[in-house]
Amino acid sequence: MHDNAPTPDAGLAIEQVQPVAGPADASADLDNWQEPDHLRWAFQHMDEVMPSQVIAAGPGAPAPLPEAPHPIGEVELVRFDGSSGTLDEVLAQTHTDAFLVMHEGRVVEERYRGEMTASTRHLVMSVSKSIVGCVAGGLVEAGALDPEAEVTRYIPEVAGSGYNGATVRNVLDMRTGVAFRETYTDPEAEVRVMERSMGWRALEPGDPVGTYAYLAEIGRDGPHDGRFTYRSADTDLLGWLCERVAGAPMANLISERIWAPMGAECDASVTVDWVGNAIHDGGISAAARDLARFGQMLLDDGMVGGRQVLPAAWIEQSYHPGSDVRSAFAASPDDAVLPGGWYRNQFWFIPSRTGDNLVCLGIHGQMIHVSPATRTVAVKLSSWPDPQHLAHIVDTLRAVSRVGAHLAGAG
């Protein structure tokens, strides 16, 4: 931590786990952990790369994951390039670390590659956004967070930034007008500058120290409430909002509101920035089986074992957001890749021939795919070398959609 670094948000009791000395891949550091030669190891050892906080699973027994094995490896699909392929081929060619499929609440397929195991925590990148979004949903339901309020009502520190005038709803749906480019191949894009401020890369002279310090200086390049534009910064502000209104750090909020009540089997973790605040937009690491439990909870309208963990209304309105949200997505470049889709409450929604699917996505191949029509949940954790790979994304989406149809007897 830098001597002149600002302190974490007032009132937050931070329990921070420092990196373990001497990682097995001793050449992995802040400058190269996201490079192809290191990222598979790093994604499974984030608490050895940078400071992290534990997201406790809770003292109770984990929610059961009954098994009903069913062969799905030979399920066929039409790939992005027009060729035919099978699920097995897609998994082999898209750098899969873990893959798990549930149908009607039962595990039909579970695979791990290399050192990955059922209890290994794997970085989920922007799947984290959906988890933080669910924390926000609970706070909205409790009346602690008003989606229509301007963010400065809760965080006056950003009044001088591009977030001035934006509402919580704008942040939830990534429809702010702040100046933020999510261009992973450009080292000077705002997403890469923010990574330095948050401690995912080494600081450079003049960088704000800490994610919240970065957000307080972010600029503006368009109107709020306009078209959808994917901005990780919006999720970091959303996490800050949740912490501010709840008076607790994000690791505690996820544990108390989601991980423990849903019956997680393993502790998760979240990386923290230079001053100890969670990286809300992509810092969570979790085991595949617990991500499947999270997906099943979404499939079951927020219910786990007869208990309402997430507000059913939050999930319902995410599936049915209204024409304005759909039009905002249609006006964005993402509609060319996911035609007819939308983004609501930190979830992606992707239409298919069997119905609208809720999807949590993270770069380098992280995914939770929830299909209400086929009653399936699929989890894929990966370490493909490129942050974004269109063919890998499309092939994976098509593969899990075909698997769901196969398991549901829909072809």
Protein backbone atom coordinates (compact mmCIF):
# COMPACT_ATOMS: atom_id res chain seq x y z
CA MET A 1 0.00 0.00 0.00
CA HIS A 2 1.30 3.45 -0.86
CA ASP A 3 2.00 5.83 2.00
CA ASN A 4 -0.13 8.54 0.44
CA ALA A 5 -3.01 6.24 -0.49
CA PRO A 6 -6.51 7.27 0.60
CA THR A 7 -8.12 5.07 3.24
CA PRO A 8 -11.00 2.69 2.48
CA ASP A 9 -14.57 3.97 2.65
CA ALA A 10 -15.42 5.11 6.16
CA GLY A 11 -16.99 2.52 8.40
CA LEU A 12 -15.89 -0.52 6.40
CA ALA A 13 -14.17 -3.20 8.46
CA ILE A 14 -11.75 -4.67 5.93
CA GLU A 15 -10.37 -8.15 6.52
CA GLN A 16 -7.66 -8.38 3.92
CA VAL A 17 -5.68 -11.44 2.86
CA GLN A 18 -2.26 -10.48 1.53
CA PRO A 19 -0.72 -12.45 -1.35
CA VAL A 20 1.04 -15.62 -0.32
CA ALA A 21 4.80 -15.27 -0.66
CA GLY A 22 6.50 -17.22 -3.39
CA PRO A 23 3.75 -18.29 -5.84
CA ALA A 24 4.24 -21.55 -7.70
CA ASP A 25 4.50 -19.53 -10.91
CA ALA A 26 7.15 -17.18 -9.56
CA SER A 27 7.27 -15.23 -12.82
CA ALA A 28 3.64 -14.06 -12.55
CA ASP A 29 3.32 -10.45 -11.42
CA LEU A 30 1.10 -7.40 -11.89
CA ASP A 31 2.60 -6.68 -15.29
CA ASN A 32 2.13 -10.11 -16.84
CA TRP A 33 -0.50 -12.14 -14.96
CA GLN A 34 -3.06 -11.48 -17.72
CA GLU A 35 -0.66 -12.59 -20.46
CA PRO A 36 -1.30 -15.95 -22.18
CA ASP A 37 1.69 -17.70 -20.58
CA HIS A 38 0.53 -16.91 -17.05
CA LEU A 39 -3.22 -16.40 -16.95
CA ARG A 40 -4.33 -20.03 -16.49
CA TRP A 41 -2.25 -20.30 -13.33
CA ALA A 42 -3.14 -16.79 -12.18
CA PHE A 43 -6.87 -17.29 -12.63
CA GLN A 44 -6.70 -20.16 -10.15
CA HIS A 45 -4.39 -18.40 -7.67
CA MET A 46 -5.55 -14.79 -7.48
CA ASP A 47 -4.91 -14.56 -3.73
CA GLU A 48 -1.27 -15.32 -4.50
CA VAL A 49 -1.06 -12.54 -7.09
CA MET A 50 -2.69 -9.67 -5.19
CA PRO A 51 -4.50 -8.91 -1.92
CA SER A 52 -7.96 -10.44 -1.60
CA GLN A 53 -10.85 -10.63 0.85
CA VAL A 54 -12.66 -13.85 1.74
CA ILE A 55 -16.35 -14.25 0.84
CA ALA A 56 -17.39 -16.75 3.50
CA ALA A 57 -19.60 -19.67 2.56
CA GLY A 58 -21.17 -19.75 6.00
CA PRO A 59 -21.27 -22.39 8.74
CA GLY A 60 -24.19 -24.43 7.45
CA ALA A 61 -24.16 -27.48 5.21
CA PRO A 62 -23.93 -26.68 1.52
CA ALA A 63 -27.04 -26.89 -0.61
CA PRO A 64 -27.09 -30.35 -2.19
CA LEU A 65 -26.19 -30.83 -5.82
CA PRO A 66 -27.84 -34.14 -6.76
CA GLU A 67 -26.44 -35.92 -9.78
CA ALA A 68 -28.16 -37.34 -12.83
CA PRO A 69 -25.34 -38.14 -15.29
CA HIS A 70 -26.26 -37.93 -18.93
CA PRO A 71 -23.96 -38.09 -21.98
CA ILE A 72 -23.89 -34.72 -23.75
CA GLY A 73 -20.42 -34.56 -25.28
CA GLU A 74 -21.64 -35.54 -28.75
CA VAL A 75 -24.43 -32.95 -28.89
CA GLU A 76 -23.97 -31.16 -32.22
CA LEU A 77 -24.10 -27.49 -33.13
CA VAL A 78 -23.39 -25.19 -36.04
CA ARG A 79 -20.30 -23.21 -35.19
CA PHE A 80 -19.54 -19.54 -35.77
CA ASP A 81 -17.60 -20.35 -38.96
CA GLY A 82 -20.51 -22.38 -40.35
CA SER A 83 -18.95 -25.79 -39.71
CA SER A 84 -20.59 -28.47 -37.61
CA GLY A 85 -19.09 -29.48 -34.29
CA THR A 86 -19.80 -31.15 -30.97
CA LEU A 87 -19.80 -29.96 -27.40
CA ASP A 88 -16.63 -31.99 -26.74
CA GLU A 89 -14.86 -30.22 -29.60
CA VAL A 90 -15.95 -26.77 -28.42
CA LEU A 91 -14.75 -27.45 -24.88
CA ALA A 92 -11.40 -28.76 -26.13
CA GLN A 93 -10.83 -25.79 -28.42
CA THR A 94 -11.89 -22.97 -26.08
CA HIS A 95 -9.33 -23.41 -23.28
CA THR A 96 -11.82 -24.83 -20.78
CA ASP A 97 -10.77 -25.11 -17.12
CA ALA A 98 -14.13 -26.21 -15.70
CA PHE A 99 -17.51 -27.08 -17.18
CA LEU A 100 -20.69 -28.01 -15.34
CA VAL A 101 -24.26 -28.47 -16.56
CA MET A 102 -27.40 -28.84 -14.45
CA HIS A 103 -30.84 -29.86 -15.67
CA GLU A 104 -33.89 -29.67 -13.43
CA GLY A 105 -31.58 -29.03 -10.48
CA ARG A 106 -29.35 -32.06 -11.06
CA VAL A 107 -25.76 -32.19 -12.27
CA VAL A 108 -25.60 -34.02 -15.58
CA GLU A 109 -22.01 -33.15 -16.51
CA GLU A 110 -18.99 -31.89 -14.55
CA ARG A 111 -15.45 -31.62 -15.93
CA TYR A 112 -12.16 -30.13 -14.77
CA ARG A 113 -8.88 -29.70 -16.61
CA GLY A 114 -5.31 -29.69 -15.35
CA GLU A 115 -4.96 -28.56 -11.73
CA MET A 116 -8.55 -27.32 -11.58
CA THR A 117 -10.75 -29.23 -9.11
CA ALA A 118 -14.27 -29.02 -7.73
CA SER A 119 -13.02 -26.84 -4.86
CA THR A 120 -10.60 -24.63 -6.83
CA ARG A 121 -11.48 -20.95 -6.89
CA HIS A 122 -11.25 -19.54 -10.41
CA LEU A 123 -11.38 -15.85 -11.34
CA VAL A 124 -14.77 -15.16 -12.93
CA MET A 125 -13.95 -11.70 -14.29
CA SER A 126 -17.19 -9.87 -15.17
CA VAL A 127 -19.46 -12.63 -13.93
CA SER A 128 -18.68 -10.65 -10.75
CA LYS A 129 -20.91 -7.89 -12.10
CA SER A 130 -24.00 -10.09 -11.93
CA ILE A 131 -23.22 -11.10 -8.35
CA VAL A 132 -22.80 -7.45 -7.31
CA GLY A 133 -26.01 -6.66 -9.20
CA CYS A 134 -27.84 -9.18 -7.02
CA VAL A 135 -26.49 -7.52 -3.89
CA ALA A 136 -27.91 -4.26 -5.25
CA GLY A 137 -31.23 -5.97 -5.93
CA GLY A 138 -31.54 -6.99 -2.30
CA LEU A 139 -30.74 -3.47 -1.13
CA VAL A 140 -33.36 -2.05 -3.50
CA GLU A 141 -35.92 -4.53 -2.18
CA ALA A 142 -35.03 -3.51 1.39
CA GLY A 143 -35.57 0.17 0.56
CA ALA A 144 -31.94 1.10 1.20
CA LEU A 145 -31.13 1.96 -2.42
CA ASP A 146 -33.45 3.88 -4.74
CA PRO A 147 -32.86 3.03 -8.42
CA GLU A 148 -34.28 6.37 -9.54
CA ALA A 149 -32.11 8.48 -7.23
CA GLU A 150 -29.04 10.25 -8.54
CA VAL A 151 -25.83 8.56 -7.47
CA THR A 152 -24.59 11.74 -5.82
CA ARG A 153 -27.35 11.37 -3.23
CA TYR A 154 -25.33 8.48 -1.81
CA ILE A 155 -21.81 9.30 -3.03
CA PRO A 156 -21.30 13.08 -3.14
CA GLU A 157 -17.61 12.44 -3.86
CA VAL A 158 -18.45 11.94 -7.57
CA ALA A 159 -20.37 15.22 -7.97
CA GLY A 160 -17.44 16.71 -9.87
CA SER A 161 -17.06 13.74 -12.19
CA GLY A 162 -18.81 12.46 -15.28
CA TYR A 163 -21.25 10.62 -13.00
CA ASN A 164 -22.87 13.87 -11.88
CA GLY A 165 -26.55 13.62 -12.83
CA ALA A 166 -26.51 9.87 -13.43
CA THR A 167 -29.06 7.72 -11.62
CA VAL A 168 -28.59 4.38 -9.90
CA ARG A 169 -30.72 2.89 -12.69
CA ASN A 170 -28.31 4.30 -15.31
CA VAL A 171 -25.46 2.56 -13.49
CA LEU A 172 -27.34 -0.73 -13.12
CA ASP A 173 -28.06 -0.89 -16.84
CA MET A 174 -24.76 0.63 -18.06
CA ARG A 175 -26.43 3.64 -19.59
CA THR A 176 -24.31 6.38 -18.07
CA GLY A 177 -22.52 8.88 -20.27
CA VAL A 178 -19.11 8.66 -18.64
CA ALA A 179 -15.95 8.56 -20.74
CA PHE A 180 -14.84 4.96 -20.48
CA ARG A 181 -13.56 2.72 -23.27
CA GLU A 182 -13.62 -1.03 -22.65
CA THR A 183 -10.92 -1.65 -25.27
CA TYR A 184 -8.75 -4.38 -23.80
CA THR A 185 -6.16 -4.26 -26.59
CA ASP A 186 -5.42 -0.56 -26.03
CA PRO A 187 -3.07 -0.06 -23.06
CA GLU A 188 -4.23 3.55 -22.73
CA ALA A 189 -7.97 2.80 -22.84
CA GLU A 190 -9.77 3.81 -19.68
CA VAL A 191 -10.32 0.19 -18.67
CA ARG A 192 -6.56 -0.38 -18.57
CA VAL A 193 -5.90 2.90 -16.72
CA MET A 194 -8.51 1.95 -14.13
CA GLU A 195 -6.81 -1.44 -13.74
CA ARG A 196 -3.68 0.38 -12.61
CA SER A 197 -5.66 2.43 -10.10
CA MET A 198 -7.33 -0.73 -8.77
CA GLY A 199 -4.07 -2.64 -8.40
CA TRP A 200 -4.48 -5.10 -11.27
CA ARG A 201 -1.42 -3.57 -12.89
CA ALA A 202 1.46 -1.52 -11.54
CA LEU A 203 0.73 2.16 -10.93
CA GLU A 204 2.19 4.77 -13.24
CA PRO A 205 2.95 8.40 -12.29
CA GLY A 206 -0.23 10.45 -12.09
CA ASP A 207 -2.61 7.51 -11.73
CA PRO A 208 -5.32 7.90 -9.07
CA VAL A 209 -4.59 5.53 -6.18
CA GLY A 210 -7.61 3.31 -5.68
CA THR A 211 -10.69 2.58 -7.75
CA TYR A 212 -12.90 5.09 -5.97
CA ALA A 213 -10.32 7.83 -6.48
CA TYR A 214 -10.39 6.97 -10.19
CA LEU A 215 -14.20 7.12 -10.33
CA ALA A 216 -14.20 10.53 -8.64
CA GLU A 217 -12.12 11.89 -11.55
CA ILE A 218 -13.77 10.11 -14.50
CA GLY A 219 -14.89 12.31 -17.40
CA ARG A 220 -18.05 12.53 -19.47
CA ASP A 221 -18.55 12.00 -23.19
CA GLY A 222 -22.30 11.68 -23.67
CA PRO A 223 -25.75 11.91 -22.11
CA HIS A 224 -26.93 9.70 -19.29
CA ASP A 225 -29.83 7.33 -20.05
CA GLY A 226 -28.73 6.94 -23.68
CA ARG A 227 -27.72 3.79 -25.50
CA PHE A 228 -26.21 0.82 -23.73
CA THR A 229 -22.41 0.95 -23.58
CA TYR A 230 -20.50 -1.68 -21.66
CA ARG A 231 -18.51 0.11 -18.95
CA SER A 232 -16.87 -1.78 -16.10
CA ALA A 233 -16.57 1.51 -14.23
CA ASP A 234 -20.34 1.54 -13.79
CA THR A 235 -20.20 -1.69 -11.79
CA ASP A 236 -17.44 -0.34 -9.60
CA LEU A 237 -19.62 2.65 -8.81
CA LEU A 238 -22.54 0.29 -8.16
CA GLY A 239 -20.44 -1.66 -5.68
CA TRP A 240 -19.44 1.56 -3.97
CA LEU A 241 -23.13 2.50 -3.74
CA CYS A 242 -23.95 -0.86 -2.15
CA GLU A 243 -21.16 -0.52 0.40
CA ARG A 244 -22.14 3.05 1.22
CA VAL A 245 -25.84 2.36 1.89
CA ALA A 246 -25.20 -0.96 3.68
CA GLY A 247 -22.18 0.21 5.68
CA ALA A 248 -20.25 -2.98 4.99
CA PRO A 249 -17.56 -4.17 2.54
CA MET A 250 -18.62 -6.07 -0.55
CA ALA A 251 -17.07 -9.36 0.62
CA ASN A 252 -19.35 -9.28 3.66
CA LEU A 253 -22.39 -8.26 1.63
CA ILE A 254 -21.98 -11.12 -0.83
CA SER A 255 -21.38 -13.60 1.98
CA GLU A 256 -24.34 -12.51 4.08
CA ARG A 257 -26.83 -11.86 1.28
CA ILE A 258 -25.94 -14.49 -1.33
CA TRP A 259 -23.13 -16.97 -0.67
CA ALA A 260 -24.15 -18.23 2.78
CA PRO A 261 -27.95 -18.26 2.28
CA MET A 262 -27.71 -19.98 -1.11
CA GLY A 263 -25.71 -22.79 0.52
CA ALA A 264 -22.29 -22.30 -1.04
CA GLU A 265 -19.86 -25.17 -0.60
CA CYS A 266 -16.61 -23.17 -0.69
CA ASP A 267 -15.48 -19.73 0.34
CA ALA A 268 -15.12 -17.35 -2.58
CA SER A 269 -12.81 -14.32 -2.64
CA VAL A 270 -12.53 -10.90 -4.21
CA THR A 271 -9.39 -8.96 -5.05
CA VAL A 272 -8.99 -5.51 -3.51
CA ASP A 273 -7.32 -2.33 -4.70
CA TRP A 274 -4.34 -0.44 -3.29
CA VAL A 275 -6.42 0.86 -0.38
CA GLY A 276 -8.46 -2.23 0.40
CA ASN A 277 -11.71 -1.71 -1.54
CA ALA A 278 -13.15 -4.62 -3.53
CA ILE A 279 -12.82 -4.83 -7.30
CA HIS A 280 -16.54 -5.10 -7.98
CA ASP A 281 -16.40 -5.30 -11.77
CA GLY A 282 -14.32 -8.48 -12.10
CA GLY A 283 -12.42 -9.47 -8.96
CA ILE A 284 -14.41 -12.43 -7.64
CA SER A 285 -13.00 -15.95 -7.66
CA ALA A 286 -15.29 -18.90 -6.96
CA ALA A 287 -15.65 -22.65 -7.40
CA ALA A 288 -17.63 -23.90 -10.40
CA ARG A 289 -20.11 -25.80 -8.22
CA ASP A 290 -21.03 -22.65 -6.31
CA LEU A 291 -21.44 -20.71 -9.54
CA ALA A 292 -23.86 -23.46 -10.59
CA ARG A 293 -25.75 -22.95 -7.33
CA PHE A 294 -25.89 -19.23 -8.08
CA GLY A 295 -27.25 -19.96 -11.56
CA GLN A 296 -29.81 -22.41 -10.19
CA MET A 297 -30.96 -19.77 -7.72
CA LEU A 298 -31.54 -17.38 -10.62
CA LEU A 299 -33.40 -20.12 -12.49
CA ASP A 300 -35.61 -20.72 -9.45
CA ASP A 301 -36.62 -17.04 -9.14
CA GLY A 302 -34.28 -16.41 -6.23
CA MET A 303 -35.42 -19.39 -4.14
CA VAL A 304 -33.09 -21.90 -2.45
CA GLY A 305 -34.52 -24.74 -0.39
CA GLY A 306 -37.82 -22.94 0.12
CA ARG A 307 -36.14 -19.69 1.17
CA GLN A 308 -36.29 -16.47 -0.86
CA VAL A 309 -32.64 -15.41 -1.11
CA LEU A 310 -32.95 -12.95 -4.00
CA PRO A 311 -36.05 -10.85 -4.70
CA ALA A 312 -38.14 -12.62 -7.33
CA ALA A 313 -39.28 -9.23 -8.63
CA TRP A 314 -35.67 -8.25 -9.35
CA ILE A 315 -35.20 -11.27 -11.61
CA GLU A 316 -38.63 -10.88 -13.19
CA GLN A 317 -38.11 -7.24 -14.16
CA SER A 318 -34.68 -8.13 -15.53
CA TYR A 319 -36.33 -10.55 -17.95
CA HIS A 320 -39.03 -8.00 -18.87
CA PRO A 321 -37.34 -4.59 -18.86
CA GLY A 322 -39.54 -2.70 -21.32
CA SER A 323 -38.94 -1.32 -24.79
CA ASP A 324 -36.61 1.48 -23.70
CA VAL A 325 -33.95 -0.93 -22.44
CA ARG A 326 -34.24 -3.06 -25.56
CA SER A 327 -33.94 0.00 -27.80
CA ALA A 328 -30.87 1.16 -25.89
CA PHE A 329 -29.22 -2.20 -26.59
CA ALA A 330 -30.32 -2.24 -30.23
CA ALA A 331 -28.52 1.09 -30.69
CA SER A 332 -25.24 -0.36 -29.42
CA PRO A 333 -22.59 -2.34 -31.34
CA ASP A 334 -23.32 -5.36 -29.11
CA ASP A 335 -26.60 -5.93 -30.92
CA ALA A 336 -24.66 -7.09 -33.97
CA VAL A 337 -23.23 -9.97 -31.91
CA LEU A 338 -26.28 -10.66 -29.73
CA PRO A 339 -29.22 -9.53 -31.90
CA GLY A 340 -32.41 -8.89 -30.01
CA GLY A 341 -30.65 -9.04 -26.65
CA TRP A 342 -30.58 -6.58 -23.79
CA TYR A 343 -28.68 -5.70 -20.61
CA ARG A 344 -30.49 -5.17 -17.33
CA ASN A 345 -29.41 -5.14 -13.69
CA GLN A 346 -25.90 -6.36 -14.61
CA PHE A 347 -27.21 -9.38 -16.55
CA TRP A 348 -27.03 -10.10 -20.28
CA PHE A 349 -30.14 -11.50 -21.95
CA ILE A 350 -29.82 -13.46 -25.17
CA PRO A 351 -32.81 -14.72 -27.17
CA SER A 352 -32.69 -18.24 -28.60
CA ARG A 353 -35.17 -20.49 -30.35
CA THR A 354 -36.06 -22.04 -26.99
CA GLY A 355 -36.55 -18.72 -25.19
CA ASP A 356 -34.72 -15.81 -23.57
CA ASN A 357 -31.60 -16.85 -21.67
CA LEU A 358 -29.98 -14.99 -18.78
CA VAL A 359 -26.20 -14.96 -19.14
CA CYS A 360 -23.37 -13.78 -16.88
CA LEU A 361 -20.23 -13.16 -18.95
CA GLY A 362 -16.58 -12.49 -18.21
CA ILE A 363 -13.58 -12.00 -20.48
CA HIS A 364 -11.23 -14.89 -21.22
CA GLY A 365 -14.22 -17.23 -21.32
CA GLN A 366 -16.15 -17.08 -18.04
CA MET A 367 -19.88 -17.82 -18.25
CA ILE A 368 -23.03 -18.78 -16.38
CA HIS A 369 -25.89 -19.58 -18.78
CA VAL A 370 -29.43 -19.87 -17.39
CA SER A 371 -32.23 -21.18 -19.60
CA PRO A 372 -35.73 -21.08 -18.07
CA ALA A 373 -37.28 -22.78 -21.09
CA THR A 374 -35.06 -25.86 -20.86
CA ARG A 375 -34.49 -25.68 -17.07
CA THR A 376 -30.73 -25.83 -17.54
CA VAL A 377 -27.77 -24.03 -15.97
CA ALA A 378 -24.32 -24.20 -17.56
CA VAL A 379 -21.06 -22.93 -16.05
CA LYS A 380 -17.87 -22.56 -18.07
CA LEU A 381 -14.59 -21.30 -16.64
CA SER A 382 -11.81 -20.76 -19.14
CA SER A 383 -8.43 -19.23 -19.78
CA TRP A 384 -8.47 -18.47 -23.46
CA PRO A 385 -5.53 -16.23 -24.37
CA ASP A 386 -7.46 -13.27 -25.80
CA PRO A 387 -9.69 -11.20 -23.52
CA GLN A 388 -12.45 -11.36 -26.12
CA HIS A 389 -12.78 -14.00 -28.83
CA LEU A 390 -15.98 -13.74 -30.85
CA ALA A 391 -15.89 -17.27 -32.26
CA HIS A 392 -15.27 -18.80 -28.82
CA ILE A 393 -18.15 -16.82 -27.30
CA VAL A 394 -20.59 -17.72 -30.07
CA ASP A 395 -19.57 -21.37 -30.14
CA THR A 396 -19.94 -21.67 -26.37
CA LEU A 397 -23.36 -19.98 -26.36
CA ARG A 398 -24.57 -22.20 -29.18
CA ALA A 399 -23.18 -25.32 -27.54
CA VAL A 400 -24.86 -24.79 -24.16
CA SER A 401 -28.10 -23.75 -25.84
CA ARG A 402 -28.10 -26.98 -27.88
CA VAL A 403 -27.29 -29.00 -24.77
CA GLY A 404 -30.25 -27.43 -22.98
CA ALA A 405 -32.57 -28.26 -25.88
CA HIS A 406 -31.23 -31.82 -25.96
CA LEU A 407 -31.77 -32.35 -22.23
CA ALA A 408 -35.27 -30.88 -22.41
CA GLY A 409 -36.18 -33.08 -25.37
CA ALA A 410 -36.59 -30.07 -27.62
CA GLY A 411 -34.21 -31.28 -30.35
